[in-house]
Amino acid sequence: MAKWVPCKRRVFVRKLVRLGFSPPGSGGRHFYMRYGTYTLAIPNNAEYSVPQLKTLLKEVEQIMGRKISLPEWQDLS
């Protein structure tokens, strides 16, 4: 059975681009990615822990209006 694992920042960004987000743009303390009219702030950590990753994915799910399952997330790489 698969389980959530920490994710490198560049891998996270690459997966969001595959989901339809624009590449990151700078602004202030964080980089931002856009999906339509929505903006997602990307933390500057080199690697995201599992709780931080889940929190970011919940925000992504709200922006996209659909769930992202673990198998789908792993297949995006």
N, C-alpha and C. Protein backbone atom coordinates (compact mmCIF):
# COMPACT_ATOMS: atom_id res chain seq x y z
N MET A 1 0.84 -1.17 0.00
CA MET A 1 0.00 0.00 0.00
C MET A 1 0.89 1.25 0.00
N ALA A 2 0.57 2.18 -0.85
CA ALA A 2 1.34 3.43 -0.96
C ALA A 2 1.03 4.35 0.21
N LYS A 3 1.99 5.20 0.54
CA LYS A 3 1.76 6.19 1.58
C LYS A 3 2.43 7.49 1.18
N TRP A 4 2.02 8.56 1.82
CA TRP A 4 2.55 9.88 1.54
C TRP A 4 4.01 9.95 1.99
N VAL A 5 4.83 10.60 1.20
CA VAL A 5 6.24 10.80 1.53
C VAL A 5 6.57 12.27 1.32
N PRO A 6 7.63 12.79 1.99
CA PRO A 6 8.03 14.18 1.76
C PRO A 6 8.32 14.44 0.28
N CYS A 7 8.19 15.69 -0.12
CA CYS A 7 8.33 16.05 -1.53
C CYS A 7 9.28 17.24 -1.68
N LYS A 8 10.21 17.15 -2.59
CA LYS A 8 11.11 18.26 -2.89
C LYS A 8 10.31 19.39 -3.54
N ARG A 9 10.75 20.62 -3.31
CA ARG A 9 10.05 21.79 -3.82
C ARG A 9 9.94 21.76 -5.35
N ARG A 10 11.05 21.46 -6.04
CA ARG A 10 11.01 21.48 -7.50
C ARG A 10 10.10 20.39 -8.06
N VAL A 11 9.99 19.25 -7.38
CA VAL A 11 9.09 18.18 -7.81
C VAL A 11 7.64 18.62 -7.61
N PHE A 12 7.38 19.28 -6.46
CA PHE A 12 6.03 19.79 -6.18
C PHE A 12 5.60 20.78 -7.26
N VAL A 13 6.49 21.71 -7.61
CA VAL A 13 6.19 22.71 -8.63
C VAL A 13 5.93 22.03 -9.97
N ARG A 14 6.76 21.06 -10.34
CA ARG A 14 6.59 20.35 -11.61
C ARG A 14 5.22 19.65 -11.67
N LYS A 15 4.81 19.05 -10.56
CA LYS A 15 3.52 18.36 -10.53
C LYS A 15 2.37 19.35 -10.66
N LEU A 16 2.48 20.51 -10.02
CA LEU A 16 1.43 21.52 -10.14
C LEU A 16 1.34 22.06 -11.57
N VAL A 17 2.46 22.20 -12.24
CA VAL A 17 2.45 22.65 -13.64
C VAL A 17 1.72 21.61 -14.48
N ARG A 18 1.93 20.33 -14.20
CA ARG A 18 1.22 19.27 -14.94
C ARG A 18 -0.28 19.29 -14.66
N LEU A 19 -0.67 19.80 -13.48
CA LEU A 19 -2.10 19.92 -13.15
C LEU A 19 -2.74 21.17 -13.77
N GLY A 20 -1.92 22.04 -14.38
CA GLY A 20 -2.48 23.20 -15.05
C GLY A 20 -2.13 24.54 -14.42
N PHE A 21 -1.29 24.55 -13.40
CA PHE A 21 -0.86 25.80 -12.79
C PHE A 21 0.22 26.44 -13.65
N SER A 22 0.32 27.76 -13.59
CA SER A 22 1.38 28.46 -14.32
C SER A 22 2.70 28.26 -13.59
N PRO A 23 3.83 28.38 -14.28
CA PRO A 23 5.12 28.28 -13.59
C PRO A 23 5.24 29.36 -12.52
N PRO A 24 6.06 29.13 -11.49
CA PRO A 24 6.15 30.07 -10.38
C PRO A 24 6.70 31.43 -10.80
N GLY A 25 6.10 32.46 -10.23
CA GLY A 25 6.58 33.82 -10.43
C GLY A 25 6.94 34.41 -9.09
N SER A 26 7.94 35.28 -9.08
CA SER A 26 8.38 35.84 -7.81
C SER A 26 7.48 36.99 -7.39
N GLY A 27 7.51 37.27 -6.10
CA GLY A 27 6.75 38.38 -5.55
C GLY A 27 6.85 38.37 -4.05
N GLY A 28 7.58 39.30 -3.51
CA GLY A 28 7.70 39.37 -2.05
C GLY A 28 8.54 38.23 -1.50
N ARG A 29 8.08 37.64 -0.42
CA ARG A 29 8.84 36.59 0.25
C ARG A 29 8.65 35.21 -0.35
N HIS A 30 7.58 35.02 -1.11
CA HIS A 30 7.27 33.70 -1.66
C HIS A 30 7.15 33.78 -3.17
N PHE A 31 7.24 32.62 -3.79
CA PHE A 31 6.89 32.50 -5.19
C PHE A 31 5.41 32.18 -5.25
N TYR A 32 4.78 32.51 -6.36
CA TYR A 32 3.36 32.29 -6.53
C TYR A 32 3.10 31.53 -7.81
N MET A 33 2.08 30.66 -7.76
CA MET A 33 1.63 29.95 -8.95
C MET A 33 0.17 30.27 -9.15
N ARG A 34 -0.22 30.45 -10.39
CA ARG A 34 -1.61 30.82 -10.69
C ARG A 34 -2.34 29.67 -11.38
N TYR A 35 -3.63 29.60 -11.07
CA TYR A 35 -4.53 28.65 -11.73
C TYR A 35 -5.79 29.45 -12.03
N GLY A 36 -5.93 29.90 -13.26
CA GLY A 36 -7.05 30.78 -13.59
C GLY A 36 -6.89 32.09 -12.84
N THR A 37 -7.89 32.44 -12.04
CA THR A 37 -7.83 33.68 -11.26
C THR A 37 -7.29 33.45 -9.86
N TYR A 38 -7.01 32.21 -9.50
CA TYR A 38 -6.52 31.89 -8.15
C TYR A 38 -5.00 31.95 -8.09
N THR A 39 -4.49 32.30 -6.91
CA THR A 39 -3.05 32.38 -6.68
C THR A 39 -2.70 31.51 -5.49
N LEU A 40 -1.65 30.71 -5.64
CA LEU A 40 -1.17 29.84 -4.58
C LEU A 40 0.25 30.25 -4.21
N ALA A 41 0.48 30.58 -2.93
CA ALA A 41 1.81 30.92 -2.45
C ALA A 41 2.59 29.63 -2.23
N ILE A 42 3.81 29.59 -2.75
CA ILE A 42 4.66 28.41 -2.62
C ILE A 42 5.73 28.70 -1.57
N PRO A 43 5.77 27.94 -0.47
CA PRO A 43 6.81 28.14 0.55
C PRO A 43 8.20 27.90 -0.03
N ASN A 44 9.20 28.52 0.59
CA ASN A 44 10.58 28.44 0.09
C ASN A 44 11.36 27.25 0.62
N ASN A 45 10.75 26.35 1.37
CA ASN A 45 11.45 25.17 1.87
C ASN A 45 12.05 24.38 0.71
N ALA A 46 13.19 23.75 0.94
CA ALA A 46 13.78 22.88 -0.08
C ALA A 46 12.98 21.58 -0.20
N GLU A 47 12.38 21.15 0.90
CA GLU A 47 11.56 19.93 0.91
C GLU A 47 10.36 20.15 1.81
N TYR A 48 9.21 19.65 1.37
CA TYR A 48 7.97 19.79 2.15
C TYR A 48 7.72 18.50 2.92
N SER A 49 7.46 18.63 4.22
CA SER A 49 7.12 17.47 5.04
C SER A 49 5.74 16.97 4.64
N VAL A 50 5.39 15.79 5.11
CA VAL A 50 4.09 15.20 4.77
C VAL A 50 2.93 16.09 5.26
N PRO A 51 2.93 16.59 6.52
CA PRO A 51 1.83 17.47 6.92
C PRO A 51 1.76 18.75 6.09
N GLN A 52 2.91 19.34 5.76
CA GLN A 52 2.90 20.55 4.95
C GLN A 52 2.41 20.24 3.54
N LEU A 53 2.82 19.13 2.99
CA LEU A 53 2.39 18.71 1.66
C LEU A 53 0.87 18.51 1.62
N LYS A 54 0.33 17.85 2.64
CA LYS A 54 -1.12 17.63 2.69
C LYS A 54 -1.88 18.94 2.79
N THR A 55 -1.35 19.89 3.56
CA THR A 55 -1.99 21.20 3.70
C THR A 55 -1.99 21.94 2.36
N LEU A 56 -0.86 21.92 1.67
CA LEU A 56 -0.78 22.56 0.36
C LEU A 56 -1.72 21.90 -0.64
N LEU A 57 -1.81 20.58 -0.60
CA LEU A 57 -2.68 19.87 -1.54
C LEU A 57 -4.16 20.14 -1.25
N LYS A 58 -4.52 20.34 0.02
CA LYS A 58 -5.90 20.71 0.34
C LYS A 58 -6.25 22.05 -0.30
N GLU A 59 -5.30 22.99 -0.26
CA GLU A 59 -5.52 24.28 -0.88
C GLU A 59 -5.62 24.14 -2.40
N VAL A 60 -4.77 23.29 -2.98
CA VAL A 60 -4.83 23.04 -4.42
C VAL A 60 -6.17 22.42 -4.80
N GLU A 61 -6.66 21.48 -3.99
CA GLU A 61 -7.95 20.84 -4.26
C GLU A 61 -9.08 21.87 -4.22
N GLN A 62 -9.03 22.81 -3.29
CA GLN A 62 -10.06 23.85 -3.23
C GLN A 62 -10.01 24.73 -4.46
N ILE A 63 -8.80 25.07 -4.90
CA ILE A 63 -8.64 25.92 -6.08
C ILE A 63 -9.16 25.21 -7.32
N MET A 64 -8.82 23.92 -7.46
CA MET A 64 -9.21 23.17 -8.65
C MET A 64 -10.65 22.67 -8.60
N GLY A 65 -11.20 22.56 -7.40
CA GLY A 65 -12.56 22.09 -7.27
C GLY A 65 -12.71 20.59 -7.39
N ARG A 66 -11.65 19.85 -7.13
CA ARG A 66 -11.71 18.39 -7.17
C ARG A 66 -10.63 17.80 -6.27
N LYS A 67 -10.80 16.52 -5.91
CA LYS A 67 -9.85 15.83 -5.05
C LYS A 67 -8.65 15.34 -5.87
N ILE A 68 -7.51 15.25 -5.20
CA ILE A 68 -6.32 14.67 -5.80
C ILE A 68 -5.93 13.48 -4.92
N SER A 69 -6.07 12.29 -5.48
CA SER A 69 -5.78 11.08 -4.72
C SER A 69 -4.27 10.82 -4.68
N LEU A 70 -3.85 10.00 -3.74
CA LEU A 70 -2.44 9.64 -3.62
C LEU A 70 -1.91 8.99 -4.90
N PRO A 71 -2.63 8.01 -5.49
CA PRO A 71 -2.12 7.43 -6.74
C PRO A 71 -2.00 8.46 -7.87
N GLU A 72 -2.96 9.38 -7.96
CA GLU A 72 -2.88 10.42 -8.99
C GLU A 72 -1.67 11.32 -8.75
N TRP A 73 -1.43 11.70 -7.48
CA TRP A 73 -0.30 12.55 -7.14
C TRP A 73 1.02 11.87 -7.49
N GLN A 74 1.13 10.58 -7.20
CA GLN A 74 2.36 9.85 -7.51
C GLN A 74 2.56 9.67 -9.00
N ASP A 75 1.48 9.57 -9.77
CA ASP A 75 1.58 9.40 -11.21
C ASP A 75 1.98 10.68 -11.94
N LEU A 76 1.89 11.81 -11.29
CA LEU A 76 2.21 13.09 -11.92
C LEU A 76 3.70 13.29 -12.15
N SER A 77 4.54 12.51 -11.52
CA SER A 77 5.99 12.71 -11.66
C SER A 77 6.54 12.17 -12.93
